[in-house]
N, C-alpha and C. Protein backbone atom coordinates (compact mmCIF):
# COMPACT_ATOMS: atom_id res chain seq x y z
N MET A 1 0.87 -1.13 0.08
CA MET A 1 -0.07 0.16 -0.02
C MET A 1 0.99 1.18 -0.16
N PRO A 2 0.98 1.95 -1.21
CA PRO A 2 2.00 3.14 -1.11
C PRO A 2 1.05 4.20 -0.32
N LEU A 3 1.96 5.29 0.11
CA LEU A 3 1.32 6.37 0.83
C LEU A 3 0.74 7.31 0.01
N ASN A 4 -0.44 7.88 0.39
CA ASN A 4 -1.22 8.66 -0.25
C ASN A 4 -1.03 10.19 0.06
N LEU A 5 0.17 10.42 -0.24
CA LEU A 5 0.30 11.92 0.13
C LEU A 5 0.03 12.90 -1.11
N LYS A 6 -0.13 14.22 -0.59
CA LYS A 6 -0.31 15.21 -1.88
C LYS A 6 0.83 15.33 -2.72
N SER A 7 0.20 15.67 -3.85
CA SER A 7 1.40 15.89 -5.08
C SER A 7 2.63 16.92 -4.55
N GLY A 8 3.60 16.41 -4.63
CA GLY A 8 4.71 17.46 -4.23
C GLY A 8 5.10 17.22 -2.85
N GLU A 9 4.13 16.62 -1.89
CA GLU A 9 4.55 16.52 -0.39
C GLU A 9 5.50 15.63 0.07
N ALA A 10 6.37 15.94 0.97
CA ALA A 10 7.43 14.96 1.18
C ALA A 10 7.32 15.03 2.82
N LEU A 11 7.86 13.78 3.39
CA LEU A 11 7.68 13.38 4.73
C LEU A 11 9.18 12.94 5.10
N THR A 12 9.72 13.60 6.19
CA THR A 12 10.95 13.30 6.58
C THR A 12 10.70 12.43 8.08
N ILE A 13 11.15 11.40 8.16
CA ILE A 13 10.71 10.33 9.27
C ILE A 13 12.02 10.06 9.95
N GLY A 14 12.14 10.52 11.18
CA GLY A 14 13.19 10.18 12.29
C GLY A 14 13.06 8.82 12.82
N LEU A 15 13.85 7.97 12.71
CA LEU A 15 14.12 6.73 13.48
C LEU A 15 14.64 6.96 14.78
N VAL A 16 14.14 6.63 15.80
CA VAL A 16 14.69 7.01 17.08
C VAL A 16 14.69 5.68 17.96
N ASN A 17 15.92 5.28 18.42
CA ASN A 17 15.85 4.16 19.51
C ASN A 17 15.67 2.77 18.84
N PHE A 18 16.40 2.58 17.63
CA PHE A 18 16.34 1.19 17.20
C PHE A 18 17.73 0.76 16.97
N GLU A 19 17.66 -0.66 17.14
CA GLU A 19 19.00 -1.39 16.83
C GLU A 19 19.22 -1.23 15.37
N PRO A 20 20.49 -1.41 15.10
CA PRO A 20 21.11 -1.45 13.71
C PRO A 20 20.32 -2.40 12.59
N LEU A 21 19.89 -3.44 13.15
CA LEU A 21 19.24 -4.49 12.35
C LEU A 21 17.95 -4.02 11.78
N ARG A 22 17.33 -3.50 12.95
CA ARG A 22 15.93 -2.80 12.76
C ARG A 22 15.95 -1.98 11.92
N VAL A 23 16.93 -0.88 12.01
CA VAL A 23 16.99 0.23 11.03
C VAL A 23 17.10 -0.11 9.79
N THR A 24 17.92 -1.14 9.57
CA THR A 24 18.16 -1.61 8.03
C THR A 24 16.57 -2.15 7.58
N GLY A 25 15.91 -2.71 8.32
CA GLY A 25 14.49 -3.42 7.82
C GLY A 25 13.64 -2.18 7.58
N LEU A 26 13.52 -1.27 8.39
CA LEU A 26 12.69 0.04 8.50
C LEU A 26 13.24 0.72 7.15
N ARG A 27 14.49 1.18 6.98
CA ARG A 27 14.69 1.50 5.76
C ARG A 27 14.33 1.23 4.44
N SER A 28 14.36 -0.24 4.37
CA SER A 28 14.04 -0.90 3.11
C SER A 28 12.49 -0.52 2.75
N ILE A 29 11.77 -0.50 3.74
CA ILE A 29 10.43 -0.35 3.59
C ILE A 29 10.05 1.08 3.24
N LEU A 30 10.50 2.01 3.94
CA LEU A 30 10.23 3.52 3.91
C LEU A 30 10.82 3.98 2.72
N GLU A 31 12.05 3.75 2.41
CA GLU A 31 12.88 4.46 1.40
C GLU A 31 12.11 3.97 0.03
N ALA A 32 11.44 2.80 -0.10
CA ALA A 32 10.74 2.59 -1.33
C ALA A 32 9.83 3.44 -1.66
N GLU A 33 9.41 4.28 -0.86
CA GLU A 33 8.31 5.37 -1.03
C GLU A 33 9.11 6.59 -1.27
N THR A 34 8.92 7.21 -2.46
CA THR A 34 9.63 8.20 -3.17
C THR A 34 9.45 9.41 -2.43
N GLN A 35 8.31 9.64 -1.71
CA GLN A 35 8.02 10.99 -0.84
C GLN A 35 8.48 10.73 0.42
N ILE A 36 9.19 9.82 0.90
CA ILE A 36 9.77 9.33 2.23
C ILE A 36 11.09 9.66 2.34
N THR A 37 11.71 10.46 3.16
CA THR A 37 13.24 10.67 3.66
C THR A 37 13.37 10.09 4.96
N VAL A 38 14.18 9.19 5.32
CA VAL A 38 14.53 8.30 6.47
C VAL A 38 15.80 9.01 7.08
N ARG A 39 15.92 9.40 8.34
CA ARG A 39 16.95 9.73 9.08
C ARG A 39 17.03 9.04 10.43
N VAL A 40 18.08 8.32 10.73
CA VAL A 40 18.48 7.85 11.90
C VAL A 40 18.91 9.18 12.96
N VAL A 41 18.18 9.31 14.02
CA VAL A 41 18.42 10.50 14.84
C VAL A 41 18.29 10.40 16.43
N SER A 42 18.64 10.94 17.16
CA SER A 42 18.71 11.11 18.64
C SER A 42 17.56 12.11 19.03
N ILE A 43 16.90 11.90 20.22
CA ILE A 43 15.81 12.81 20.58
C ILE A 43 16.33 14.29 20.36
N ASP A 44 17.71 14.35 20.87
CA ASP A 44 18.03 15.98 20.84
C ASP A 44 18.10 16.53 19.32
N GLU A 45 18.48 15.66 18.36
CA GLU A 45 18.57 16.03 16.98
C GLU A 45 17.03 16.16 16.60
N VAL A 46 16.08 15.57 17.05
CA VAL A 46 14.65 15.69 16.58
C VAL A 46 14.22 16.79 17.04
N LEU A 47 14.60 17.30 18.55
CA LEU A 47 14.07 18.57 18.95
C LEU A 47 14.80 19.82 18.25
N ALA A 48 15.98 19.45 17.74
CA ALA A 48 16.52 20.77 17.18
C ALA A 48 16.31 20.80 15.64
N ASP A 49 15.81 19.91 15.06
CA ASP A 49 15.52 19.75 13.55
C ASP A 49 13.96 19.88 13.26
N HIS A 50 13.40 20.92 13.14
CA HIS A 50 11.97 20.87 12.72
C HIS A 50 11.46 20.34 11.36
N SER A 51 12.59 19.97 10.64
CA SER A 51 12.18 19.46 8.96
C SER A 51 11.63 17.98 9.75
N ILE A 52 12.11 17.44 10.70
CA ILE A 52 11.62 16.07 10.98
C ILE A 52 10.18 16.14 11.50
N THR A 53 9.17 15.67 11.01
CA THR A 53 7.73 16.02 11.68
C THR A 53 7.27 14.85 11.87
N PHE A 54 7.83 13.43 11.79
CA PHE A 54 7.24 12.25 12.06
C PHE A 54 8.45 11.62 12.68
N VAL A 55 8.14 10.70 13.73
CA VAL A 55 9.28 9.85 14.41
C VAL A 55 8.57 8.58 14.57
N LEU A 56 9.33 7.48 14.14
CA LEU A 56 8.96 6.11 14.57
C LEU A 56 9.98 5.84 15.88
N PHE A 57 9.58 5.30 17.04
CA PHE A 57 10.19 5.54 18.33
C PHE A 57 10.37 3.92 18.70
N GLY A 58 11.48 3.38 18.79
CA GLY A 58 11.53 1.94 19.26
C GLY A 58 11.37 1.59 20.60
N LEU A 59 10.43 0.74 21.00
CA LEU A 59 10.10 0.68 22.55
C LEU A 59 10.84 -0.46 22.94
N THR A 60 11.54 -0.07 24.23
CA THR A 60 12.61 -0.99 24.86
C THR A 60 11.92 -1.47 26.09
N ASN A 61 12.49 -2.45 26.76
CA ASN A 61 12.14 -3.00 27.98
C ASN A 61 13.05 -2.78 29.19
N PRO A 62 12.79 -1.88 30.12
CA PRO A 62 11.45 -1.15 30.24
C PRO A 62 11.16 0.08 29.12
N PRO A 63 10.04 0.60 28.92
CA PRO A 63 9.90 1.30 27.92
C PRO A 63 10.25 2.73 28.44
N HIS A 64 10.80 3.53 27.52
CA HIS A 64 11.45 5.07 27.75
C HIS A 64 10.22 6.00 27.68
N PHE A 65 9.00 5.88 28.59
CA PHE A 65 7.98 6.78 28.42
C PHE A 65 8.46 8.06 28.70
N ASP A 66 9.18 8.38 29.59
CA ASP A 66 9.75 9.76 29.98
C ASP A 66 10.51 10.28 28.89
N ARG A 67 10.81 9.78 27.91
CA ARG A 67 11.75 10.34 26.87
C ARG A 67 10.78 10.74 25.84
N MET A 68 9.60 9.84 25.67
CA MET A 68 8.55 10.20 24.77
C MET A 68 7.66 11.29 25.43
N SER A 69 7.48 11.71 26.37
CA SER A 69 6.95 12.61 26.85
C SER A 69 7.52 13.93 26.70
N CYS A 70 8.81 13.75 27.16
CA CYS A 70 9.69 15.11 26.89
C CYS A 70 9.76 15.45 25.54
N LEU A 71 9.58 14.53 24.41
CA LEU A 71 9.90 14.66 23.06
C LEU A 71 8.58 15.43 22.50
N ARG A 72 7.38 14.84 23.02
CA ARG A 72 6.12 15.53 22.78
C ARG A 72 5.95 16.91 23.31
N ALA A 73 6.39 17.16 24.47
CA ALA A 73 6.01 18.45 25.05
C ALA A 73 6.72 19.43 24.43
N GLN A 74 8.05 19.06 23.83
CA GLN A 74 8.66 20.15 23.45
C GLN A 74 8.58 20.19 22.00
N ARG A 75 8.11 19.02 21.27
CA ARG A 75 7.64 19.16 19.64
C ARG A 75 6.07 18.70 19.74
N PRO A 76 5.21 19.58 20.17
CA PRO A 76 3.84 19.14 20.31
C PRO A 76 3.33 18.86 18.71
N ASP A 77 3.87 19.37 17.78
CA ASP A 77 3.55 19.24 16.39
C ASP A 77 3.98 17.97 15.77
N LEU A 78 4.92 17.15 16.32
CA LEU A 78 5.54 15.84 16.05
C LEU A 78 4.71 14.77 16.22
N LYS A 79 4.37 14.02 15.04
CA LYS A 79 3.70 12.81 15.08
C LYS A 79 4.49 11.75 15.26
N LEU A 80 4.13 10.93 16.26
CA LEU A 80 4.96 9.86 16.84
C LEU A 80 4.47 8.54 16.98
N ILE A 81 4.96 7.45 16.30
CA ILE A 81 4.50 6.09 16.27
C ILE A 81 5.53 5.37 17.01
N VAL A 82 5.08 4.51 17.89
CA VAL A 82 5.83 3.54 18.82
C VAL A 82 5.97 2.19 17.94
N VAL A 83 6.99 1.66 18.14
CA VAL A 83 7.31 0.22 17.39
C VAL A 83 7.86 -0.78 18.30
N GLY A 84 7.03 -1.76 18.69
CA GLY A 84 7.52 -2.81 19.51
C GLY A 84 6.72 -3.94 19.74
N MET A 85 7.35 -4.75 20.61
CA MET A 85 6.57 -5.89 20.82
C MET A 85 5.30 -5.81 21.63
N LEU A 86 4.23 -6.20 21.46
CA LEU A 86 3.05 -5.91 22.29
C LEU A 86 2.99 -6.71 23.28
N GLY A 87 3.31 -6.32 24.58
CA GLY A 87 3.35 -6.89 25.74
C GLY A 87 1.75 -7.16 26.42
N ASP A 88 1.28 -5.92 26.48
CA ASP A 88 -0.14 -5.82 27.09
C ASP A 88 -0.69 -4.40 26.72
N ASP A 89 -2.07 -4.47 26.80
CA ASP A 89 -2.71 -3.23 26.40
C ASP A 89 -2.17 -2.10 27.11
N GLU A 90 -2.07 -2.35 28.52
CA GLU A 90 -1.43 -1.17 29.35
C GLU A 90 -0.50 -0.37 28.45
N THR A 91 0.52 -1.47 28.01
CA THR A 91 1.87 -0.57 27.38
C THR A 91 1.45 0.21 26.15
N VAL A 92 0.61 -0.05 25.50
CA VAL A 92 0.04 0.59 24.35
C VAL A 92 -0.89 1.99 25.00
N ILE A 93 -1.73 1.68 25.93
CA ILE A 93 -2.54 2.82 26.56
C ILE A 93 -1.34 3.95 27.11
N ASP A 94 -0.21 3.39 27.69
CA ASP A 94 0.63 4.42 28.25
C ASP A 94 1.43 5.15 27.10
N ALA A 95 1.72 4.48 26.01
CA ALA A 95 2.36 5.27 25.03
C ALA A 95 1.52 6.26 24.28
N LEU A 96 0.17 5.99 24.22
CA LEU A 96 -0.60 6.94 23.68
C LEU A 96 -1.01 8.17 24.81
N ALA A 97 -1.03 7.61 25.85
CA ALA A 97 -1.22 8.78 26.93
C ALA A 97 0.02 9.86 27.13
N VAL A 98 1.17 9.41 26.75
CA VAL A 98 2.21 10.35 26.86
C VAL A 98 2.50 11.06 25.36
N GLY A 99 1.43 10.96 24.45
CA GLY A 99 1.34 11.53 23.17
C GLY A 99 1.61 10.80 21.96
N ALA A 100 1.87 9.54 22.03
CA ALA A 100 1.96 8.56 20.84
C ALA A 100 0.86 8.71 20.06
N LYS A 101 1.07 8.73 18.81
CA LYS A 101 -0.37 8.90 17.79
C LYS A 101 -0.63 7.25 17.06
N GLY A 102 0.44 6.50 17.53
CA GLY A 102 0.08 5.08 17.00
C GLY A 102 1.10 4.08 17.70
N TYR A 103 0.55 2.82 17.44
CA TYR A 103 1.55 1.79 18.13
C TYR A 103 1.34 0.53 16.96
N VAL A 104 2.64 0.13 16.47
CA VAL A 104 2.68 -0.77 15.49
C VAL A 104 3.55 -1.98 16.10
N GLU A 105 3.04 -3.32 15.93
CA GLU A 105 4.08 -4.34 16.41
C GLU A 105 5.10 -4.65 15.54
N GLU A 106 6.16 -5.00 16.16
CA GLU A 106 7.36 -5.42 15.46
C GLU A 106 7.16 -6.47 14.26
N THR A 107 5.97 -7.23 14.75
CA THR A 107 5.91 -8.27 13.77
C THR A 107 4.86 -7.90 12.58
N ALA A 108 4.54 -6.72 12.49
CA ALA A 108 3.58 -6.10 11.50
C ALA A 108 4.25 -6.29 10.06
N GLN A 109 3.39 -6.42 9.23
CA GLN A 109 3.58 -6.51 7.59
C GLN A 109 3.81 -5.04 7.35
N PRO A 110 4.85 -5.01 6.20
CA PRO A 110 5.25 -3.63 5.57
C PRO A 110 4.02 -2.67 5.28
N GLU A 111 3.02 -3.37 4.73
CA GLU A 111 1.94 -2.44 4.30
C GLU A 111 0.91 -1.98 5.61
N GLN A 112 0.99 -2.76 6.75
CA GLN A 112 0.57 -2.32 7.81
C GLN A 112 1.19 -1.17 8.36
N LEU A 113 2.57 -1.22 8.37
CA LEU A 113 3.36 -0.03 8.75
C LEU A 113 2.92 1.33 8.02
N LEU A 114 3.01 1.23 6.84
CA LEU A 114 2.79 2.23 5.71
C LEU A 114 1.32 2.66 5.92
N GLN A 115 0.32 1.71 6.13
CA GLN A 115 -0.90 2.19 6.41
C GLN A 115 -1.10 3.10 7.89
N ALA A 116 -0.28 2.55 8.99
CA ALA A 116 -0.36 3.45 10.14
C ALA A 116 0.11 4.69 10.03
N ILE A 117 1.30 4.91 9.17
CA ILE A 117 1.85 6.16 8.82
C ILE A 117 0.98 6.96 8.11
N GLN A 118 0.18 6.47 7.33
CA GLN A 118 -0.86 7.24 6.40
C GLN A 118 -1.95 7.75 7.54
N ILE A 119 -2.48 6.90 8.23
CA ILE A 119 -3.46 7.13 9.12
C ILE A 119 -3.01 8.23 10.29
N VAL A 120 -1.99 8.07 10.78
CA VAL A 120 -1.22 9.21 11.67
C VAL A 120 -1.13 10.50 11.12
N HIS A 121 -0.45 10.33 9.74
CA HIS A 121 -0.22 11.50 9.14
C HIS A 121 -1.41 12.51 8.74
N SER A 122 -2.65 11.53 8.69
CA SER A 122 -3.85 12.14 8.20
C SER A 122 -4.68 12.88 9.51
N GLY A 123 -4.04 12.62 10.49
CA GLY A 123 -4.61 13.29 11.94
C GLY A 123 -5.20 12.40 12.74
N SER A 124 -5.43 10.95 12.47
CA SER A 124 -6.08 10.17 13.32
C SER A 124 -4.89 9.37 14.36
N ILE A 125 -5.47 8.12 14.87
CA ILE A 125 -4.74 7.40 15.60
C ILE A 125 -4.85 5.78 15.21
N TRP A 126 -3.64 5.23 15.24
CA TRP A 126 -3.54 3.65 14.91
C TRP A 126 -3.23 3.06 16.06
N ALA A 127 -4.03 2.09 16.63
CA ALA A 127 -3.69 0.91 17.45
C ALA A 127 -4.68 0.28 17.54
N PRO A 128 -4.47 -1.05 18.09
CA PRO A 128 -5.56 -2.11 18.00
C PRO A 128 -6.84 -1.61 18.82
N ARG A 129 -7.99 -1.94 17.89
CA ARG A 129 -9.23 -1.50 18.14
C ARG A 129 -9.71 -1.61 19.81
N ARG A 130 -9.55 -2.89 20.42
CA ARG A 130 -9.71 -2.90 21.92
C ARG A 130 -9.07 -1.96 22.71
N VAL A 131 -7.84 -1.49 22.21
CA VAL A 131 -7.10 -0.69 23.12
C VAL A 131 -7.58 0.74 22.78
N LEU A 132 -7.87 1.07 21.63
CA LEU A 132 -8.54 2.26 21.65
C LEU A 132 -9.87 2.41 22.44
N SER A 133 -10.53 1.29 22.56
CA SER A 133 -11.90 1.31 23.45
C SER A 133 -11.37 1.75 24.74
N LEU A 134 -10.37 1.18 25.39
CA LEU A 134 -10.01 1.28 26.50
C LEU A 134 -9.62 2.55 26.99
N PHE A 135 -8.64 3.08 25.89
CA PHE A 135 -8.06 4.43 25.96
C PHE A 135 -9.25 5.49 26.08
N VAL A 136 -10.19 5.32 25.11
CA VAL A 136 -11.35 6.19 25.11
C VAL A 136 -12.27 6.40 26.44
N ASP A 137 -12.40 5.30 26.92
CA ASP A 137 -13.29 5.06 28.30
C ASP A 137 -12.40 5.58 29.30
N ARG A 138 -11.12 5.54 29.48
CA ARG A 138 -10.31 6.45 30.35
C ARG A 138 -10.28 7.76 30.14
N MET A 139 -10.10 8.31 28.92
CA MET A 139 -10.07 9.55 28.62
C MET A 139 -11.37 10.12 28.94
N LEU A 140 -12.41 9.47 28.76
CA LEU A 140 -13.89 10.09 29.07
C LEU A 140 -13.94 10.24 30.61
N GLN A 141 -13.45 9.08 31.35
CA GLN A 141 -13.58 9.30 32.95
C GLN A 141 -12.92 10.50 33.46
N PHE A 142 -11.79 10.77 32.94
CA PHE A 142 -11.12 11.90 33.42
C PHE A 142 -11.39 13.38 32.72
N SER A 143 -12.22 13.39 31.68
CA SER A 143 -12.72 14.42 31.06
C SER A 143 -13.53 15.47 32.20
N THR A 144 -13.44 16.83 32.03
CA THR A 144 -13.94 17.73 32.82
C THR A 144 -15.48 18.14 32.25
N LYS A 145 -15.51 17.75 30.93
CA LYS A 145 -16.85 17.86 30.43
C LYS A 145 -17.59 16.37 30.15
N PRO A 146 -18.51 16.08 30.83
CA PRO A 146 -18.85 14.62 30.86
C PRO A 146 -19.43 14.45 29.22
N VAL A 147 -19.23 13.39 28.70
CA VAL A 147 -19.64 12.91 27.37
C VAL A 147 -21.11 12.29 27.22
N ARG A 148 -21.86 12.83 26.61
CA ARG A 148 -23.28 12.26 26.50
C ARG A 148 -23.25 10.80 25.62
N ARG A 149 -23.19 9.82 25.93
CA ARG A 149 -22.95 8.74 25.36
C ARG A 149 -24.10 8.16 24.47
N HIS A 150 -25.23 8.54 24.89
CA HIS A 150 -26.49 8.01 24.22
C HIS A 150 -27.49 9.11 23.59
N ASN A 151 -28.33 8.68 23.03
CA ASN A 151 -29.46 9.87 22.42
C ASN A 151 -28.98 10.70 21.79
N HIS A 152 -27.79 10.36 20.71
CA HIS A 152 -27.18 11.38 19.92
C HIS A 152 -28.27 11.57 18.80
N ARG A 153 -28.52 12.87 18.39
CA ARG A 153 -29.57 12.85 17.32
C ARG A 153 -28.38 13.71 16.06
N PHE A 154 -28.09 13.07 15.18
CA PHE A 154 -27.33 13.70 14.07
C PHE A 154 -27.99 13.68 12.66
N THR A 155 -27.88 14.78 12.00
CA THR A 155 -28.39 14.98 10.67
C THR A 155 -27.77 13.86 9.86
N GLU A 156 -28.44 13.85 8.55
CA GLU A 156 -27.81 12.72 7.55
C GLU A 156 -26.38 13.18 7.14
N ARG A 157 -26.33 14.45 6.98
CA ARG A 157 -24.84 14.97 6.66
C ARG A 157 -23.93 14.96 7.78
N GLU A 158 -24.26 15.39 9.13
CA GLU A 158 -23.39 14.74 10.10
C GLU A 158 -22.96 13.49 10.18
N GLN A 159 -23.87 12.54 9.88
CA GLN A 159 -23.57 11.16 9.93
C GLN A 159 -22.53 10.83 8.88
N GLN A 160 -22.56 11.53 7.64
CA GLN A 160 -21.76 11.32 6.52
C GLN A 160 -20.38 11.73 6.84
N VAL A 161 -20.13 12.99 7.56
CA VAL A 161 -18.97 13.56 8.07
C VAL A 161 -18.37 12.77 9.05
N LEU A 162 -19.15 11.96 10.12
CA LEU A 162 -18.55 11.36 11.12
C LEU A 162 -18.17 9.94 10.51
N ARG A 163 -18.72 9.55 9.58
CA ARG A 163 -18.45 8.10 9.03
C ARG A 163 -16.89 8.31 8.52
N LEU A 164 -16.61 9.67 7.67
CA LEU A 164 -15.42 9.62 6.92
C LEU A 164 -14.46 10.16 8.00
N LEU A 165 -14.99 10.71 8.96
CA LEU A 165 -13.96 11.07 10.14
C LEU A 165 -13.32 9.79 10.89
N VAL A 166 -14.09 8.77 11.06
CA VAL A 166 -13.75 7.82 11.75
C VAL A 166 -12.80 6.93 10.68
N ALA A 167 -13.10 7.13 9.36
CA ALA A 167 -12.20 6.26 8.47
C ALA A 167 -10.88 7.22 8.33
N ALA A 168 -10.64 7.98 8.99
CA ALA A 168 -9.42 8.87 9.14
C ALA A 168 -9.21 9.69 7.87
N ARG A 169 -10.25 10.15 7.35
CA ARG A 169 -10.11 11.25 6.25
C ARG A 169 -9.74 12.52 6.82
N SER A 170 -8.80 13.28 5.86
CA SER A 170 -8.72 14.65 6.25
C SER A 170 -10.01 15.42 5.97
N ASN A 171 -9.86 16.88 6.33
CA ASN A 171 -10.92 17.85 6.08
C ASN A 171 -11.11 17.96 4.74
N ARG A 172 -10.01 17.92 4.05
CA ARG A 172 -9.88 18.12 2.55
C ARG A 172 -10.54 16.91 1.96
N GLU A 173 -10.24 15.75 2.45
CA GLU A 173 -10.68 14.55 1.74
C GLU A 173 -12.22 14.28 1.82
N ILE A 174 -12.64 14.84 3.14
CA ILE A 174 -14.17 14.73 3.50
C ILE A 174 -14.91 15.93 2.55
N ALA A 175 -14.29 16.98 2.54
CA ALA A 175 -14.90 18.05 1.63
C ALA A 175 -15.06 17.41 0.12
N GLN A 176 -13.92 17.02 -0.47
CA GLN A 176 -14.14 16.43 -1.75
C GLN A 176 -14.97 15.27 -1.81
N THR A 177 -15.00 14.32 -0.82
CA THR A 177 -16.04 13.36 -1.03
C THR A 177 -17.50 13.75 -1.02
N LEU A 178 -17.89 14.58 -0.05
CA LEU A 178 -19.16 15.30 0.08
C LEU A 178 -19.46 16.34 -0.77
N GLY A 179 -18.32 16.81 -1.45
CA GLY A 179 -18.70 18.12 -2.55
C GLY A 179 -19.21 19.33 -1.80
N ILE A 180 -18.39 19.43 -0.72
CA ILE A 180 -18.60 20.57 0.12
C ILE A 180 -17.46 21.36 0.39
N GLU A 181 -17.46 22.55 1.01
CA GLU A 181 -16.18 23.16 1.33
C GLU A 181 -15.55 22.77 2.37
N GLU A 182 -14.17 23.04 2.52
CA GLU A 182 -13.52 22.37 3.61
C GLU A 182 -13.86 23.24 4.88
N ARG A 183 -14.42 24.54 4.74
CA ARG A 183 -14.51 25.35 5.97
C ARG A 183 -15.82 24.90 6.55
N THR A 184 -16.80 24.18 5.51
CA THR A 184 -17.85 23.82 6.22
C THR A 184 -17.86 22.32 6.81
N VAL A 185 -16.69 21.70 6.54
CA VAL A 185 -16.37 20.39 7.17
C VAL A 185 -16.16 20.80 8.61
N LYS A 186 -15.26 21.94 8.57
CA LYS A 186 -14.68 22.34 10.02
C LYS A 186 -15.64 22.52 10.86
N ALA A 187 -16.73 23.15 10.33
CA ALA A 187 -18.11 23.78 11.01
C ALA A 187 -18.77 22.54 11.50
N TYR A 188 -18.96 21.43 10.66
CA TYR A 188 -19.76 20.14 11.24
C TYR A 188 -18.86 19.64 12.06
N ILE A 189 -17.85 19.49 11.94
CA ILE A 189 -16.81 18.50 13.17
C ILE A 189 -16.91 19.49 14.50
N LYS A 190 -16.93 20.70 14.30
CA LYS A 190 -17.12 21.66 15.74
C LYS A 190 -18.35 21.18 16.22
N LYS A 191 -19.56 21.26 15.09
CA LYS A 191 -20.88 20.92 15.91
C LYS A 191 -21.24 19.63 16.49
N LEU A 192 -20.27 18.58 15.95
CA LEU A 192 -20.30 17.10 16.39
C LEU A 192 -19.58 17.00 17.70
N MET A 193 -18.63 17.76 17.88
CA MET A 193 -17.83 17.77 19.05
C MET A 193 -18.67 18.25 20.24
N SER A 194 -19.41 19.38 19.70
CA SER A 194 -20.34 19.90 21.03
C SER A 194 -21.34 18.75 21.31
N LYS A 195 -22.13 18.42 20.27
CA LYS A 195 -23.11 17.12 20.43
C LYS A 195 -22.60 15.93 21.44
N VAL A 196 -21.40 15.35 20.97
CA VAL A 196 -20.82 14.40 21.78
C VAL A 196 -20.48 14.84 23.15
N GLY A 197 -19.72 16.08 23.04
CA GLY A 197 -19.32 16.51 24.45
C GLY A 197 -17.77 16.19 24.54
N VAL A 198 -17.07 16.17 23.39
CA VAL A 198 -15.47 16.07 23.52
C VAL A 198 -14.93 17.61 22.96
N ASP A 199 -13.74 17.86 23.08
CA ASP A 199 -13.03 19.05 22.73
C ASP A 199 -12.14 18.96 21.60
N ASN A 200 -11.86 17.54 20.93
CA ASN A 200 -10.98 17.67 20.02
C ASN A 200 -11.36 16.63 18.84
N ARG A 201 -10.78 16.62 17.81
CA ARG A 201 -11.06 15.86 16.70
C ARG A 201 -10.91 14.29 17.02
N VAL A 202 -9.74 14.24 17.61
CA VAL A 202 -9.12 12.66 17.77
C VAL A 202 -10.32 12.16 18.79
N ALA A 203 -10.49 12.70 19.97
CA ALA A 203 -11.57 12.07 20.84
C ALA A 203 -12.91 12.00 20.26
N LEU A 204 -13.34 12.90 19.19
CA LEU A 204 -14.45 12.63 18.75
C LEU A 204 -14.52 11.48 17.77
N SER A 205 -13.41 11.15 17.11
CA SER A 205 -13.15 10.05 16.02
C SER A 205 -13.07 8.78 16.97
N LEU A 206 -12.36 8.80 18.11
CA LEU A 206 -12.22 7.40 18.88
C LEU A 206 -13.67 7.19 19.55
N HIS A 207 -14.35 8.14 20.15
CA HIS A 207 -15.50 8.03 20.77
C HIS A 207 -16.56 7.37 19.78
N ALA A 208 -16.54 7.94 18.60
CA ALA A 208 -17.57 7.54 17.58
C ALA A 208 -17.30 6.05 17.08
N ALA A 209 -15.96 5.79 16.83
CA ALA A 209 -15.46 4.54 16.44
C ALA A 209 -15.68 3.46 17.41
N THR A 210 -15.67 3.56 18.79
CA THR A 210 -15.85 2.63 19.69
C THR A 210 -17.18 2.56 20.32
N SER A 211 -18.03 3.63 19.91
CA SER A 211 -19.61 3.58 20.29
C SER A 211 -20.55 3.42 19.11
N SER A 212 -19.96 3.06 18.12
CA SER A 212 -20.82 2.82 16.90
C SER A 212 -21.67 4.08 16.58
N LEU A 213 -21.24 5.29 16.72
CA LEU A 213 -22.00 6.47 16.46
C LEU A 213 -21.99 6.59 14.96
N ALA A 214 -21.11 6.35 14.32
CA ALA A 214 -21.09 6.65 13.08
C ALA A 214 -21.71 5.63 12.07
N VAL A 215 -22.48 4.78 12.72
CA VAL A 215 -23.04 3.76 11.78
C VAL A 215 -24.62 3.44 12.32
N ASP A 216 -24.86 3.93 13.14
CA ASP A 216 -26.43 3.98 13.65
C ASP A 216 -27.18 4.56 12.68
């Protein structure tokens, strides 16, 4: 599955905390994509070089969640995917909690890694569905604004927008699919967040996916 980036768009991906053999494997997968540039970097180099907008972070045992948290705190624009062996759901949840946008197992197929990069690049989260469900539940429990889980009343157009949002489509892609302006999509998403009771796009998408809001 090749990446579906915009024409002329390039993506510089930093590889952090990987052993040499793993770096070789990741390079062979990623550099096959003409729009991707791969660099092996340290956390300090990522913090200093803002041309690196995407990071794959190798998970160790014990995991360096403090380093991930520091990285995301100083580079909030950074899109981070953790790569490691799936020990338990809590490990994935902890990675998401410190700011990772995705979790890919080391045993994943190359096309799964590329799909995860595509999804995260478009603004959504990539992780096992069961983990996303647990993550959303915990996020909602600690939310200062209670989420109304039931009796949502969406218009047909809001349902269409929500389905595409759950499918990890960007605002531009949603607008093109529905034949509306991108600013109209933004207005719909803002209204949907208000109805559901969340304050960001990712929370809306996750809540919809795990509560079947987009298919009712």
